[in-house]
Amino acid sequence: MAFEKSAGYGDRFIFHRNYVARTRQLVASHMGEDMTRKIFQLPINTWSGPYQSPYGLHLVLVVENNPSRLPNFQEVAPLVLEDYRRQRMDDMRRRKIQELIAQYRVEWDLSIQDLSADFTYVK
């Protein structure tokens, strides 16, 4: 069976449909250490298995197995910049929410017998 047609068989896996350009650590976090050890020793371009993971049985096709490497600065710079921008946006969003919350005071009357007590929002 061709790799491109494999998605039409079996159940959809909880994580990724394929693990192209994924690290050994990521595969292990999804498949378990025992199955990962077996996967990284499989022959290329041969369906193998079934292999047991914490999520069931899997057939595996390894089409490429490249050794890990440390990327150069030019490769990671756009990713780092995007992470920085996303973090800044998250920080600004949190600060703005805190500023909005600080403008309000919530008071409620606990003496009311009805537990769905009326809340008064005071700005």
PDB file of N, CA and C in Angstrom:
ATOM      1  N   MET A   1       0.852  -1.178   0.000  1.00  0.00           N
ATOM      2  CA  MET A   1       0.000   0.000   0.000  1.00  0.00           C
ATOM      3  C   MET A   1       0.892   1.233   0.000  1.00  0.00           C
ATOM      4  N   ALA A   2       0.521   2.224  -0.770  1.00  0.00           N
ATOM      5  CA  ALA A   2       1.274   3.470  -0.851  1.00  0.00           C
ATOM      6  C   ALA A   2       1.028   4.312   0.392  1.00  0.00           C
ATOM      7  N   PHE A   3       2.043   5.018   0.811  1.00  0.00           N
ATOM      8  CA  PHE A   3       1.954   5.888   1.985  1.00  0.00           C
ATOM      9  C   PHE A   3       0.787   6.870   1.859  1.00  0.00           C
ATOM     10  N   GLU A   4       0.594   7.447   0.680  1.00  0.00           N
ATOM     11  CA  GLU A   4      -0.442   8.449   0.456  1.00  0.00           C
ATOM     12  C   GLU A   4      -1.845   7.891   0.684  1.00  0.00           C
ATOM     13  N   LYS A   5      -2.030   6.589   0.506  1.00  0.00           N
ATOM     14  CA  LYS A   5      -3.351   5.976   0.654  1.00  0.00           C
ATOM     15  C   LYS A   5      -3.579   5.396   2.047  1.00  0.00           C
ATOM     16  N   SER A   6      -2.564   5.394   2.890  1.00  0.00           N
ATOM     17  CA  SER A   6      -2.665   4.727   4.184  1.00  0.00           C
ATOM     18  C   SER A   6      -3.673   5.382   5.125  1.00  0.00           C
ATOM     19  N   ALA A   7      -3.940   6.674   4.961  1.00  0.00           N
ATOM     20  CA  ALA A   7      -4.880   7.359   5.848  1.00  0.00           C
ATOM     21  C   ALA A   7      -6.294   6.807   5.732  1.00  0.00           C
ATOM     22  N   GLY A   8      -6.598   6.147   4.653  1.00  0.00           N
ATOM     23  CA  GLY A   8      -7.925   5.578   4.460  1.00  0.00           C
ATOM     24  C   GLY A   8      -8.164   4.276   5.196  1.00  0.00           C
ATOM     25  N   TYR A   9      -7.158   3.779   5.891  1.00  0.00           N
ATOM     26  CA  TYR A   9      -7.267   2.509   6.603  1.00  0.00           C
ATOM     27  C   TYR A   9      -7.092   2.728   8.098  1.00  0.00           C
ATOM     28  N   GLY A  10      -7.806   1.941   8.874  1.00  0.00           N
ATOM     29  CA  GLY A  10      -7.645   1.993  10.323  1.00  0.00           C
ATOM     30  C   GLY A  10      -8.277   3.219  10.949  1.00  0.00           C
ATOM     31  N   ASP A  11      -8.088   3.348  12.240  1.00  0.00           N
ATOM     32  CA  ASP A  11      -8.644   4.466  12.993  1.00  0.00           C
ATOM     33  C   ASP A  11      -7.685   5.650  12.966  1.00  0.00           C
ATOM     34  N   ARG A  12      -8.238   6.824  13.087  1.00  0.00           N
ATOM     35  CA  ARG A  12      -7.432   8.045  13.135  1.00  0.00           C
ATOM     36  C   ARG A  12      -6.675   8.066  14.453  1.00  0.00           C
ATOM     37  N   PHE A  13      -5.353   8.254  14.396  1.00  0.00           N
ATOM     38  CA  PHE A  13      -4.510   8.289  15.583  1.00  0.00           C
ATOM     39  C   PHE A  13      -4.729   9.592  16.327  1.00  0.00           C
ATOM     40  N   ILE A  14      -4.661   9.544  17.634  1.00  0.00           N
ATOM     41  CA  ILE A  14      -4.939  10.695  18.488  1.00  0.00           C
ATOM     42  C   ILE A  14      -3.991  11.868  18.243  1.00  0.00           C
ATOM     43  N   PHE A  15      -2.763  11.609  17.818  1.00  0.00           N
ATOM     44  CA  PHE A  15      -1.788  12.677  17.614  1.00  0.00           C
ATOM     45  C   PHE A  15      -1.645  12.978  16.121  1.00  0.00           C
ATOM     46  N   HIS A  16      -0.518  12.636  15.521  1.00  0.00           N
ATOM     47  CA  HIS A  16      -0.257  12.982  14.118  1.00  0.00           C
ATOM     48  C   HIS A  16      -0.589  11.816  13.189  1.00  0.00           C
ATOM     49  N   ARG A  17      -0.891  12.165  11.955  1.00  0.00           N
ATOM     50  CA  ARG A  17      -1.122  11.142  10.934  1.00  0.00           C
ATOM     51  C   ARG A  17       0.215  10.582  10.459  1.00  0.00           C
ATOM     52  N   ASN A  18       1.225  11.438  10.424  1.00  0.00           N
ATOM     53  CA  ASN A  18       2.575  10.970  10.090  1.00  0.00           C
ATOM     54  C   ASN A  18       3.570  11.741  10.955  1.00  0.00           C
ATOM     55  N   TYR A  19       4.765  11.248  10.967  1.00  0.00           N
ATOM     56  CA  TYR A  19       5.803  11.823  11.829  1.00  0.00           C
ATOM     57  C   TYR A  19       7.013  12.260  11.007  1.00  0.00           C
ATOM     58  N   VAL A  20       6.736  12.905   9.886  1.00  0.00           N
ATOM     59  CA  VAL A  20       7.793  13.412   9.024  1.00  0.00           C
ATOM     60  C   VAL A  20       8.507  14.544   9.754  1.00  0.00           C
ATOM     61  N   ALA A  21       9.827  14.497   9.748  1.00  0.00           N
ATOM     62  CA  ALA A  21      10.682  15.518  10.368  1.00  0.00           C
ATOM     63  C   ALA A  21      10.371  15.718  11.846  1.00  0.00           C
ATOM     64  N   ARG A  22      10.105  14.634  12.546  1.00  0.00           N
ATOM     65  CA  ARG A  22       9.858  14.688  13.991  1.00  0.00           C
ATOM     66  C   ARG A  22      11.057  14.111  14.729  1.00  0.00           C
ATOM     67  N   THR A  23      11.270  14.568  15.930  1.00  0.00           N
ATOM     68  CA  THR A  23      12.400  14.080  16.715  1.00  0.00           C
ATOM     69  C   THR A  23      12.060  12.752  17.385  1.00  0.00           C
ATOM     70  N   ARG A  24      13.096  12.058  17.769  1.00  0.00           N
ATOM     71  CA  ARG A  24      12.924  10.800  18.499  1.00  0.00           C
ATOM     72  C   ARG A  24      12.163  11.060  19.801  1.00  0.00           C
ATOM     73  N   GLN A  25      12.458  12.173  20.456  1.00  0.00           N
ATOM     74  CA  GLN A  25      11.792  12.506  21.711  1.00  0.00           C
ATOM     75  C   GLN A  25      10.294  12.695  21.513  1.00  0.00           C
ATOM     76  N   LEU A  26       9.899  13.355  20.422  1.00  0.00           N
ATOM     77  CA  LEU A  26       8.477  13.545  20.162  1.00  0.00           C
ATOM     78  C   LEU A  26       7.795  12.211  19.891  1.00  0.00           C
ATOM     79  N   VAL A  27       8.427  11.388  19.071  1.00  0.00           N
ATOM     80  CA  VAL A  27       7.848  10.072  18.772  1.00  0.00           C
ATOM     81  C   VAL A  27       7.688   9.277  20.065  1.00  0.00           C
ATOM     82  N   ALA A  28       8.700   9.298  20.920  1.00  0.00           N
ATOM     83  CA  ALA A  28       8.639   8.556  22.184  1.00  0.00           C
ATOM     84  C   ALA A  28       7.528   9.087  23.084  1.00  0.00           C
ATOM     85  N   SER A  29       7.315  10.394  23.077  1.00  0.00           N
ATOM     86  CA  SER A  29       6.260  10.953  23.924  1.00  0.00           C
ATOM     87  C   SER A  29       4.874  10.535  23.448  1.00  0.00           C
ATOM     88  N   HIS A  30       4.741  10.193  22.179  1.00  0.00           N
ATOM     89  CA  HIS A  30       3.450   9.769  21.640  1.00  0.00           C
ATOM     90  C   HIS A  30       3.303   8.247  21.588  1.00  0.00           C
ATOM     91  N   MET A  31       4.375   7.546  21.316  1.00  0.00           N
ATOM     92  CA  MET A  31       4.302   6.105  21.068  1.00  0.00           C
ATOM     93  C   MET A  31       4.847   5.247  22.210  1.00  0.00           C
ATOM     94  N   GLY A  32       5.574   5.864  23.115  1.00  0.00           N
ATOM     95  CA  GLY A  32       6.218   5.095  24.168  1.00  0.00           C
ATOM     96  C   GLY A  32       7.634   4.723  23.758  1.00  0.00           C
ATOM     97  N   GLU A  33       8.476   4.539  24.750  1.00  0.00           N
ATOM     98  CA  GLU A  33       9.894   4.286  24.493  1.00  0.00           C
ATOM     99  C   GLU A  33      10.128   2.955  23.799  1.00  0.00           C
ATOM    100  N   ASP A  34       9.400   1.928  24.173  1.00  0.00           N
ATOM    101  CA  ASP A  34       9.611   0.601  23.576  1.00  0.00           C
ATOM    102  C   ASP A  34       9.314   0.607  22.082  1.00  0.00           C
ATOM    103  N   MET A  35       8.165   1.156  21.700  1.00  0.00           N
ATOM    104  CA  MET A  35       7.809   1.205  20.279  1.00  0.00           C
ATOM    105  C   MET A  35       8.765   2.114  19.512  1.00  0.00           C
ATOM    106  N   THR A  36       9.164   3.221  20.102  1.00  0.00           N
ATOM    107  CA  THR A  36      10.080   4.153  19.441  1.00  0.00           C
ATOM    108  C   THR A  36      11.415   3.486  19.152  1.00  0.00           C
ATOM    109  N   ARG A  37      11.904   2.723  20.100  1.00  0.00           N
ATOM    110  CA  ARG A  37      13.172   2.006  19.896  1.00  0.00           C
ATOM    111  C   ARG A  37      13.064   1.106  18.657  1.00  0.00           C
ATOM    112  N   LYS A  38      11.945   0.421  18.526  1.00  0.00           N
ATOM    113  CA  LYS A  38      11.738  -0.465  17.374  1.00  0.00           C
ATOM    114  C   LYS A  38      11.610   0.333  16.072  1.00  0.00           C
ATOM    115  N   ILE A  39      10.865   1.431  16.120  1.00  0.00           N
ATOM    116  CA  ILE A  39      10.642   2.246  14.920  1.00  0.00           C
ATOM    117  C   ILE A  39      11.962   2.729  14.340  1.00  0.00           C
ATOM    118  N   PHE A  40      12.865   3.199  15.192  1.00  0.00           N
ATOM    119  CA  PHE A  40      14.114   3.783  14.710  1.00  0.00           C
ATOM    120  C   PHE A  40      15.122   2.728  14.255  1.00  0.00           C
ATOM    121  N   GLN A  41      14.732   1.457  14.305  1.00  0.00           N
ATOM    122  CA  GLN A  41      15.581   0.382  13.777  1.00  0.00           C
ATOM    123  C   GLN A  41      14.958  -0.293  12.559  1.00  0.00           C
ATOM    124  N   LEU A  42      13.801   0.196  12.119  1.00  0.00           N
ATOM    125  CA  LEU A  42      13.090  -0.446  11.006  1.00  0.00           C
ATOM    126  C   LEU A  42      13.771  -0.163   9.674  1.00  0.00           C
ATOM    127  N   PRO A  43      13.578  -1.090   8.729  1.00  0.00           N
ATOM    128  CA  PRO A  43      14.102  -0.856   7.375  1.00  0.00           C
ATOM    129  C   PRO A  43      13.304   0.243   6.676  1.00  0.00           C
ATOM    130  N   ILE A  44      13.922   0.884   5.714  1.00  0.00           N
ATOM    131  CA  ILE A  44      13.293   1.969   4.966  1.00  0.00           C
ATOM    132  C   ILE A  44      12.369   1.394   3.889  1.00  0.00           C
ATOM    133  N   ASN A  45      11.229   2.080   3.677  1.00  0.00           N
ATOM    134  CA  ASN A  45      10.250   1.747   2.625  1.00  0.00           C
ATOM    135  C   ASN A  45       9.655   0.349   2.741  1.00  0.00           C
ATOM    136  N   THR A  46       9.446  -0.113   3.961  1.00  0.00           N
ATOM    137  CA  THR A  46       8.810  -1.412   4.207  1.00  0.00           C
ATOM    138  C   THR A  46       7.803  -1.247   5.334  1.00  0.00           C
ATOM    139  N   TRP A  47       6.553  -1.629   5.065  1.00  0.00           N
ATOM    140  CA  TRP A  47       5.558  -1.595   6.136  1.00  0.00           C
ATOM    141  C   TRP A  47       5.939  -2.640   7.176  1.00  0.00           C
ATOM    142  N   SER A  48       5.860  -2.271   8.447  1.00  0.00           N
ATOM    143  CA  SER A  48       6.213  -3.176   9.538  1.00  0.00           C
ATOM    144  C   SER A  48       5.149  -3.102  10.619  1.00  0.00           C
ATOM    145  N   GLY A  49       5.100  -4.155  11.407  1.00  0.00           N
ATOM    146  CA  GLY A  49       4.177  -4.159  12.536  1.00  0.00           C
ATOM    147  C   GLY A  49       3.205  -5.301  12.441  1.00  0.00           C
ATOM    148  N   PRO A  50       2.220  -5.302  13.272  1.00  0.00           N
ATOM    149  CA  PRO A  50       1.779  -4.212  14.136  1.00  0.00           C
ATOM    150  C   PRO A  50       2.667  -4.064  15.377  1.00  0.00           C
ATOM    151  N   TYR A  51       2.753  -2.811  15.854  1.00  0.00           N
ATOM    152  CA  TYR A  51       3.494  -2.472  17.063  1.00  0.00           C
ATOM    153  C   TYR A  51       2.520  -1.887  18.075  1.00  0.00           C
ATOM    154  N   GLN A  52       2.742  -2.226  19.321  1.00  0.00           N
ATOM    155  CA  GLN A  52       1.871  -1.772  20.410  1.00  0.00           C
ATOM    156  C   GLN A  52       2.372  -0.458  20.988  1.00  0.00           C
ATOM    157  N   SER A  53       1.471   0.521  21.098  1.00  0.00           N
ATOM    158  CA  SER A  53       1.759   1.766  21.816  1.00  0.00           C
ATOM    159  C   SER A  53       0.720   1.867  22.929  1.00  0.00           C
ATOM    160  N   PRO A  54       0.810   2.868  23.772  1.00  0.00           N
ATOM    161  CA  PRO A  54      -0.236   3.042  24.789  1.00  0.00           C
ATOM    162  C   PRO A  54      -1.620   3.292  24.179  1.00  0.00           C
ATOM    163  N   TYR A  55      -1.683   3.581  22.876  1.00  0.00           N
ATOM    164  CA  TYR A  55      -2.948   3.916  22.228  1.00  0.00           C
ATOM    165  C   TYR A  55      -3.473   2.849  21.287  1.00  0.00           C
ATOM    166  N   GLY A  56      -2.805   1.707  21.205  1.00  0.00           N
ATOM    167  CA  GLY A  56      -3.285   0.643  20.343  1.00  0.00           C
ATOM    168  C   GLY A  56      -2.183   0.042  19.503  1.00  0.00           C
ATOM    169  N   LEU A  57      -2.597  -0.600  18.416  1.00  0.00           N
ATOM    170  CA  LEU A  57      -1.666  -1.252  17.502  1.00  0.00           C
ATOM    171  C   LEU A  57      -1.473  -0.391  16.262  1.00  0.00           C
ATOM    172  N   HIS A  58      -0.253  -0.412  15.734  1.00  0.00           N
ATOM    173  CA  HIS A  58       0.076   0.454  14.599  1.00  0.00           C
ATOM    174  C   HIS A  58       0.923  -0.297  13.581  1.00  0.00           C
ATOM    175  N   LEU A  59       0.647  -0.030  12.300  1.00  0.00           N
ATOM    176  CA  LEU A  59       1.541  -0.415  11.222  1.00  0.00           C
ATOM    177  C   LEU A  59       2.398   0.797  10.917  1.00  0.00           C
ATOM    178  N   VAL A  60       3.664   0.576  10.641  1.00  0.00           N
ATOM    179  CA  VAL A  60       4.602   1.686  10.478  1.00  0.00           C
ATOM    180  C   VAL A  60       5.335   1.558   9.155  1.00  0.00           C
ATOM    181  N   LEU A  61       5.443   2.677   8.449  1.00  0.00           N
ATOM    182  CA  LEU A  61       6.245   2.767   7.239  1.00  0.00           C
ATOM    183  C   LEU A  61       7.262   3.874   7.452  1.00  0.00           C
ATOM    184  N   VAL A  62       8.522   3.526   7.479  1.00  0.00           N
ATOM    185  CA  VAL A  62       9.587   4.512   7.596  1.00  0.00           C
ATOM    186  C   VAL A  62      10.094   4.774   6.191  1.00  0.00           C
ATOM    187  N   VAL A  63       9.955   6.017   5.739  1.00  0.00           N
ATOM    188  CA  VAL A  63      10.420   6.356   4.392  1.00  0.00           C
ATOM    189  C   VAL A  63      11.774   7.041   4.418  1.00  0.00           C
ATOM    190  N   GLU A  64      12.163   7.557   5.579  1.00  0.00           N
ATOM    191  CA  GLU A  64      13.437   8.237   5.727  1.00  0.00           C
ATOM    192  C   GLU A  64      13.789   8.263   7.210  1.00  0.00           C
ATOM    193  N   ASN A  65      15.048   8.130   7.528  1.00  0.00           N
ATOM    194  CA  ASN A  65      15.483   8.228   8.917  1.00  0.00           C
ATOM    195  C   ASN A  65      16.794   8.994   8.925  1.00  0.00           C
ATOM    196  N   ASN A  66      16.694  10.286   9.205  1.00  0.00           N
ATOM    197  CA  ASN A  66      17.863  11.157   9.180  1.00  0.00           C
ATOM    198  C   ASN A  66      18.368  11.396  10.599  1.00  0.00           C
ATOM    199  N   PRO A  67      19.680  11.438  10.759  1.00  0.00           N
ATOM    200  CA  PRO A  67      20.210  11.733  12.095  1.00  0.00           C
ATOM    201  C   PRO A  67      19.860  13.163  12.504  1.00  0.00           C
ATOM    202  N   SER A  68      19.709  13.373  13.794  1.00  0.00           N
ATOM    203  CA  SER A  68      19.388  14.718  14.267  1.00  0.00           C
ATOM    204  C   SER A  68      20.575  15.642  14.056  1.00  0.00           C
ATOM    205  N   ARG A  69      20.288  16.928  14.019  1.00  0.00           N
ATOM    206  CA  ARG A  69      21.342  17.909  13.827  1.00  0.00           C
ATOM    207  C   ARG A  69      20.923  19.203  14.501  1.00  0.00           C
ATOM    208  N   LEU A  70      21.881  20.035  14.760  1.00  0.00           N
ATOM    209  CA  LEU A  70      21.623  21.344  15.340  1.00  0.00           C
ATOM    210  C   LEU A  70      21.452  22.337  14.198  1.00  0.00           C
ATOM    211  N   PRO A  71      20.260  22.954  14.055  1.00  0.00           N
ATOM    212  CA  PRO A  71      20.047  23.886  12.946  1.00  0.00           C
ATOM    213  C   PRO A  71      20.895  25.141  13.121  1.00  0.00           C
ATOM    214  N   ASN A  72      21.208  25.783  12.005  1.00  0.00           N
ATOM    215  CA  ASN A  72      21.975  27.024  12.090  1.00  0.00           C
ATOM    216  C   ASN A  72      21.045  28.197  12.411  1.00  0.00           C
ATOM    217  N   PHE A  73      21.648  29.326  12.713  1.00  0.00           N
ATOM    218  CA  PHE A  73      20.893  30.501  13.144  1.00  0.00           C
ATOM    219  C   PHE A  73      19.857  30.938  12.106  1.00  0.00           C
ATOM    220  N   GLN A  74      20.235  30.942  10.826  1.00  0.00           N
ATOM    221  CA  GLN A  74      19.322  31.395   9.780  1.00  0.00           C
ATOM    222  C   GLN A  74      18.053  30.537   9.726  1.00  0.00           C
ATOM    223  N   GLU A  75      18.170  29.257  10.060  1.00  0.00           N
ATOM    224  CA  GLU A  75      16.997  28.377  10.043  1.00  0.00           C
ATOM    225  C   GLU A  75      16.043  28.667  11.194  1.00  0.00           C
ATOM    226  N   VAL A  76      16.584  28.981  12.355  1.00  0.00           N
ATOM    227  CA  VAL A  76      15.733  29.140  13.532  1.00  0.00           C
ATOM    228  C   VAL A  76      15.341  30.580  13.827  1.00  0.00           C
ATOM    229  N   ALA A  77      16.033  31.544  13.255  1.00  0.00           N
ATOM    230  CA  ALA A  77      15.753  32.948  13.553  1.00  0.00           C
ATOM    231  C   ALA A  77      14.285  33.323  13.318  1.00  0.00           C
ATOM    232  N   PRO A  78      13.654  32.951  12.198  1.00  0.00           N
ATOM    233  CA  PRO A  78      12.240  33.313  12.015  1.00  0.00           C
ATOM    234  C   PRO A  78      11.332  32.664  13.058  1.00  0.00           C
ATOM    235  N   LEU A  79      11.656  31.460  13.472  1.00  0.00           N
ATOM    236  CA  LEU A  79      10.850  30.780  14.489  1.00  0.00           C
ATOM    237  C   LEU A  79      10.983  31.459  15.843  1.00  0.00           C
ATOM    238  N   VAL A  80      12.204  31.838  16.181  1.00  0.00           N
ATOM    239  CA  VAL A  80      12.439  32.529  17.446  1.00  0.00           C
ATOM    240  C   VAL A  80      11.723  33.875  17.448  1.00  0.00           C
ATOM    241  N   LEU A  81      11.809  34.598  16.351  1.00  0.00           N
ATOM    242  CA  LEU A  81      11.130  35.887  16.246  1.00  0.00           C
ATOM    243  C   LEU A  81       9.619  35.730  16.391  1.00  0.00           C
ATOM    244  N   GLU A  82       9.064  34.725  15.750  1.00  0.00           N
ATOM    245  CA  GLU A  82       7.621  34.481  15.855  1.00  0.00           C
ATOM    246  C   GLU A  82       7.235  34.118  17.290  1.00  0.00           C
ATOM    247  N   ASP A  83       8.020  33.295  17.948  1.00  0.00           N
ATOM    248  CA  ASP A  83       7.753  32.962  19.352  1.00  0.00           C
ATOM    249  C   ASP A  83       7.813  34.203  20.226  1.00  0.00           C
ATOM    250  N   TYR A  84       8.793  35.069  19.979  1.00  0.00           N
ATOM    251  CA  TYR A  84       8.931  36.316  20.727  1.00  0.00           C
ATOM    252  C   TYR A  84       7.700  37.207  20.526  1.00  0.00           C
ATOM    253  N   ARG A  85       7.279  37.351  19.288  1.00  0.00           N
ATOM    254  CA  ARG A  85       6.093  38.179  18.994  1.00  0.00           C
ATOM    255  C   ARG A  85       4.839  37.607  19.656  1.00  0.00           C
ATOM    256  N   ARG A  86       4.692  36.302  19.579  1.00  0.00           N
ATOM    257  CA  ARG A  86       3.528  35.656  20.191  1.00  0.00           C
ATOM    258  C   ARG A  86       3.545  35.856  21.707  1.00  0.00           C
ATOM    259  N   GLN A  87       4.709  35.722  22.317  1.00  0.00           N
ATOM    260  CA  GLN A  87       4.827  35.934  23.760  1.00  0.00           C
ATOM    261  C   GLN A  87       4.487  37.372  24.135  1.00  0.00           C
ATOM    262  N   ARG A  88       4.980  38.324  23.343  1.00  0.00           N
ATOM    263  CA  ARG A  88       4.667  39.741  23.600  1.00  0.00           C
ATOM    264  C   ARG A  88       3.169  40.000  23.495  1.00  0.00           C
ATOM    265  N   MET A  89       2.535  39.425  22.474  1.00  0.00           N
ATOM    266  CA  MET A  89       1.081  39.592  22.314  1.00  0.00           C
ATOM    267  C   MET A  89       0.336  38.988  23.502  1.00  0.00           C
ATOM    268  N   ASP A  90       0.745  37.811  23.938  1.00  0.00           N
ATOM    269  CA  ASP A  90       0.117  37.172  25.097  1.00  0.00           C
ATOM    270  C   ASP A  90       0.285  38.025  26.346  1.00  0.00           C
ATOM    271  N   ASP A  91       1.475  38.570  26.545  1.00  0.00           N
ATOM    272  CA  ASP A  91       1.735  39.433  27.704  1.00  0.00           C
ATOM    273  C   ASP A  91       0.865  40.683  27.658  1.00  0.00           C
ATOM    274  N   MET A  92       0.789  41.324  26.488  1.00  0.00           N
ATOM    275  CA  MET A  92      -0.037  42.531  26.355  1.00  0.00           C
ATOM    276  C   MET A  92      -1.511  42.208  26.590  1.00  0.00           C
ATOM    277  N   ARG A  93      -1.955  41.069  26.073  1.00  0.00           N
ATOM    278  CA  ARG A  93      -3.349  40.649  26.254  1.00  0.00           C
ATOM    279  C   ARG A  93      -3.643  40.430  27.738  1.00  0.00           C
ATOM    280  N   ARG A  94      -2.744  39.749  28.442  1.00  0.00           N
ATOM    281  CA  ARG A  94      -2.933  39.515  29.878  1.00  0.00           C
ATOM    282  C   ARG A  94      -2.972  40.842  30.656  1.00  0.00           C
ATOM    283  N   ARG A  95      -2.056  41.753  30.326  1.00  0.00           N
ATOM    284  CA  ARG A  95      -2.038  43.056  31.003  1.00  0.00           C
ATOM    285  C   ARG A  95      -3.339  43.820  30.761  1.00  0.00           C
ATOM    286  N   LYS A  96      -3.809  43.806  29.530  1.00  0.00           N
ATOM    287  CA  LYS A  96      -5.052  44.516  29.195  1.00  0.00           C
ATOM    288  C   LYS A  96      -6.238  43.911  29.947  1.00  0.00           C
ATOM    289  N   ILE A  97      -6.291  42.607  30.025  1.00  0.00           N
ATOM    290  CA  ILE A  97      -7.376  41.946  30.769  1.00  0.00           C
ATOM    291  C   ILE A  97      -7.307  42.336  32.242  1.00  0.00           C
ATOM    292  N   GLN A  98      -6.100  42.350  32.813  1.00  0.00           N
ATOM    293  CA  GLN A  98      -5.948  42.751  34.220  1.00  0.00           C
ATOM    294  C   GLN A  98      -6.365  44.212  34.422  1.00  0.00           C
ATOM    295  N   GLU A  99      -6.033  45.086  33.473  1.00  0.00           N
ATOM    296  CA  GLU A  99      -6.452  46.487  33.564  1.00  0.00           C
ATOM    297  C   GLU A  99      -7.978  46.602  33.535  1.00  0.00           C
ATOM    298  N   LEU A 100      -8.614  45.834  32.675  1.00  0.00           N
ATOM    299  CA  LEU A 100     -10.082  45.854  32.602  1.00  0.00           C
ATOM    300  C   LEU A 100     -10.697  45.320  33.892  1.00  0.00           C
ATOM    301  N   ILE A 101     -10.163  44.241  34.396  1.00  0.00           N
ATOM    302  CA  ILE A 101     -10.677  43.651  35.641  1.00  0.00           C
ATOM    303  C   ILE A 101     -10.527  44.635  36.793  1.00  0.00           C
ATOM    304  N   ALA A 102      -9.400  45.345  36.827  1.00  0.00           N
ATOM    305  CA  ALA A 102      -9.141  46.297  37.915  1.00  0.00           C
ATOM    306  C   ALA A 102     -10.157  47.434  37.940  1.00  0.00           C
ATOM    307  N   GLN A 103     -10.863  47.687  36.853  1.00  0.00           N
ATOM    308  CA  GLN A 103     -11.850  48.763  36.791  1.00  0.00           C
ATOM    309  C   GLN A 103     -13.171  48.380  37.453  1.00  0.00           C
ATOM    310  N   TYR A 104     -13.340  47.111  37.761  1.00  0.00           N
ATOM    311  CA  TYR A 104     -14.611  46.634  38.286  1.00  0.00           C
ATOM    312  C   TYR A 104     -14.448  46.092  39.697  1.00  0.00           C
ATOM    313  N   ARG A 105     -15.548  46.167  40.431  1.00  0.00           N
ATOM    314  CA  ARG A 105     -15.604  45.575  41.754  1.00  0.00           C
ATOM    315  C   ARG A 105     -16.886  44.758  41.797  1.00  0.00           C
ATOM    316  N   VAL A 106     -16.826  43.536  42.249  1.00  0.00           N
ATOM    317  CA  VAL A 106     -17.999  42.678  42.318  1.00  0.00           C
ATOM    318  C   VAL A 106     -18.432  42.598  43.775  1.00  0.00           C
ATOM    319  N   GLU A 107     -19.708  42.875  44.008  1.00  0.00           N
ATOM    320  CA  GLU A 107     -20.271  42.767  45.351  1.00  0.00           C
ATOM    321  C   GLU A 107     -21.438  41.802  45.287  1.00  0.00           C
ATOM    322  N   TRP A 108     -21.587  41.005  46.333  1.00  0.00           N
ATOM    323  CA  TRP A 108     -22.753  40.142  46.391  1.00  0.00           C
ATOM    324  C   TRP A 108     -23.242  40.068  47.818  1.00  0.00           C
ATOM    325  N   ASP A 109     -24.547  39.850  47.942  1.00  0.00           N
ATOM    326  CA  ASP A 109     -25.194  39.805  49.244  1.00  0.00           C
ATOM    327  C   ASP A 109     -25.357  38.347  49.635  1.00  0.00           C
ATOM    328  N   LEU A 110     -24.575  37.915  50.618  1.00  0.00           N
ATOM    329  CA  LEU A 110     -24.628  36.519  51.054  1.00  0.00           C
ATOM    330  C   LEU A 110     -25.812  36.235  51.966  1.00  0.00           C
ATOM    331  N   SER A 111     -26.534  37.266  52.376  1.00  0.00           N
ATOM    332  CA  SER A 111     -27.682  37.051  53.255  1.00  0.00           C
ATOM    333  C   SER A 111     -28.908  36.568  52.489  1.00  0.00           C
ATOM    334  N   ILE A 112     -28.887  36.657  51.195  1.00  0.00           N
ATOM    335  CA  ILE A 112     -30.021  36.223  50.377  1.00  0.00           C
ATOM    336  C   ILE A 112     -30.094  34.706  50.435  1.00  0.00           C
ATOM    337  N   GLN A 113     -31.292  34.173  50.699  1.00  0.00           N
ATOM    338  CA  GLN A 113     -31.479  32.734  50.841  1.00  0.00           C
ATOM    339  C   GLN A 113     -31.322  31.989  49.516  1.00  0.00           C
ATOM    340  N   ASP A 114     -31.740  32.604  48.456  1.00  0.00           N
ATOM    341  CA  ASP A 114     -31.629  31.993  47.133  1.00  0.00           C
ATOM    342  C   ASP A 114     -30.160  31.944  46.731  1.00  0.00           C
ATOM    343  N   LEU A 115     -29.637  30.750  46.490  1.00  0.00           N
ATOM    344  CA  LEU A 115     -28.228  30.611  46.171  1.00  0.00           C
ATOM    345  C   LEU A 115     -27.871  31.165  44.788  1.00  0.00           C
ATOM    346  N   SER A 116     -28.852  31.450  44.000  1.00  0.00           N
ATOM    347  CA  SER A 116     -28.570  32.099  42.721  1.00  0.00           C
ATOM    348  C   SER A 116     -28.621  33.607  42.926  1.00  0.00           C
ATOM    349  N   ALA A 117     -27.995  34.055  43.996  1.00  0.00           N
ATOM    350  CA  ALA A 117     -28.049  35.448  44.456  1.00  0.00           C
ATOM    351  C   ALA A 117     -27.760  36.427  43.328  1.00  0.00           C
ATOM    352  N   ASP A 118     -28.391  37.576  43.472  1.00  0.00           N
ATOM    353  CA  ASP A 118     -28.159  38.651  42.521  1.00  0.00           C
ATOM    354  C   ASP A 118     -26.764  39.219  42.740  1.00  0.00           C
ATOM    355  N   PHE A 119     -26.045  39.403  41.661  1.00  0.00           N
ATOM    356  CA  PHE A 119     -24.717  40.017  41.731  1.00  0.00           C
ATOM    357  C   PHE A 119     -24.839  41.454  41.278  1.00  0.00           C
ATOM    358  N   THR A 120     -24.103  42.312  41.905  1.00  0.00           N
ATOM    359  CA  THR A 120     -24.053  43.710  41.510  1.00  0.00           C
ATOM    360  C   THR A 120     -22.652  43.998  41.002  1.00  0.00           C
ATOM    361  N   TYR A 121     -22.575  44.469  39.790  1.00  0.00           N
ATOM    362  CA  TYR A 121     -21.279  44.822  39.210  1.00  0.00           C
ATOM    363  C   TYR A 121     -21.158  46.329  39.261  1.00  0.00           C
ATOM    364  N   VAL A 122     -20.143  46.814  39.898  1.00  0.00           N
ATOM    365  CA  VAL A 122     -19.952  48.242  40.066  1.00  0.00           C
ATOM    366  C   VAL A 122     -18.705  48.649  39.335  1.00  0.00           C
ATOM    367  N   LYS A 123     -18.812  49.664  38.518  1.00  0.00           N
ATOM    368  CA  LYS A 123     -17.634  50.163  37.798  1.00  0.00           C
ATOM    369  C   LYS A 123     -17.192  51.463  38.402  1.00  0.00           C
TER     370      LYS A 123
END
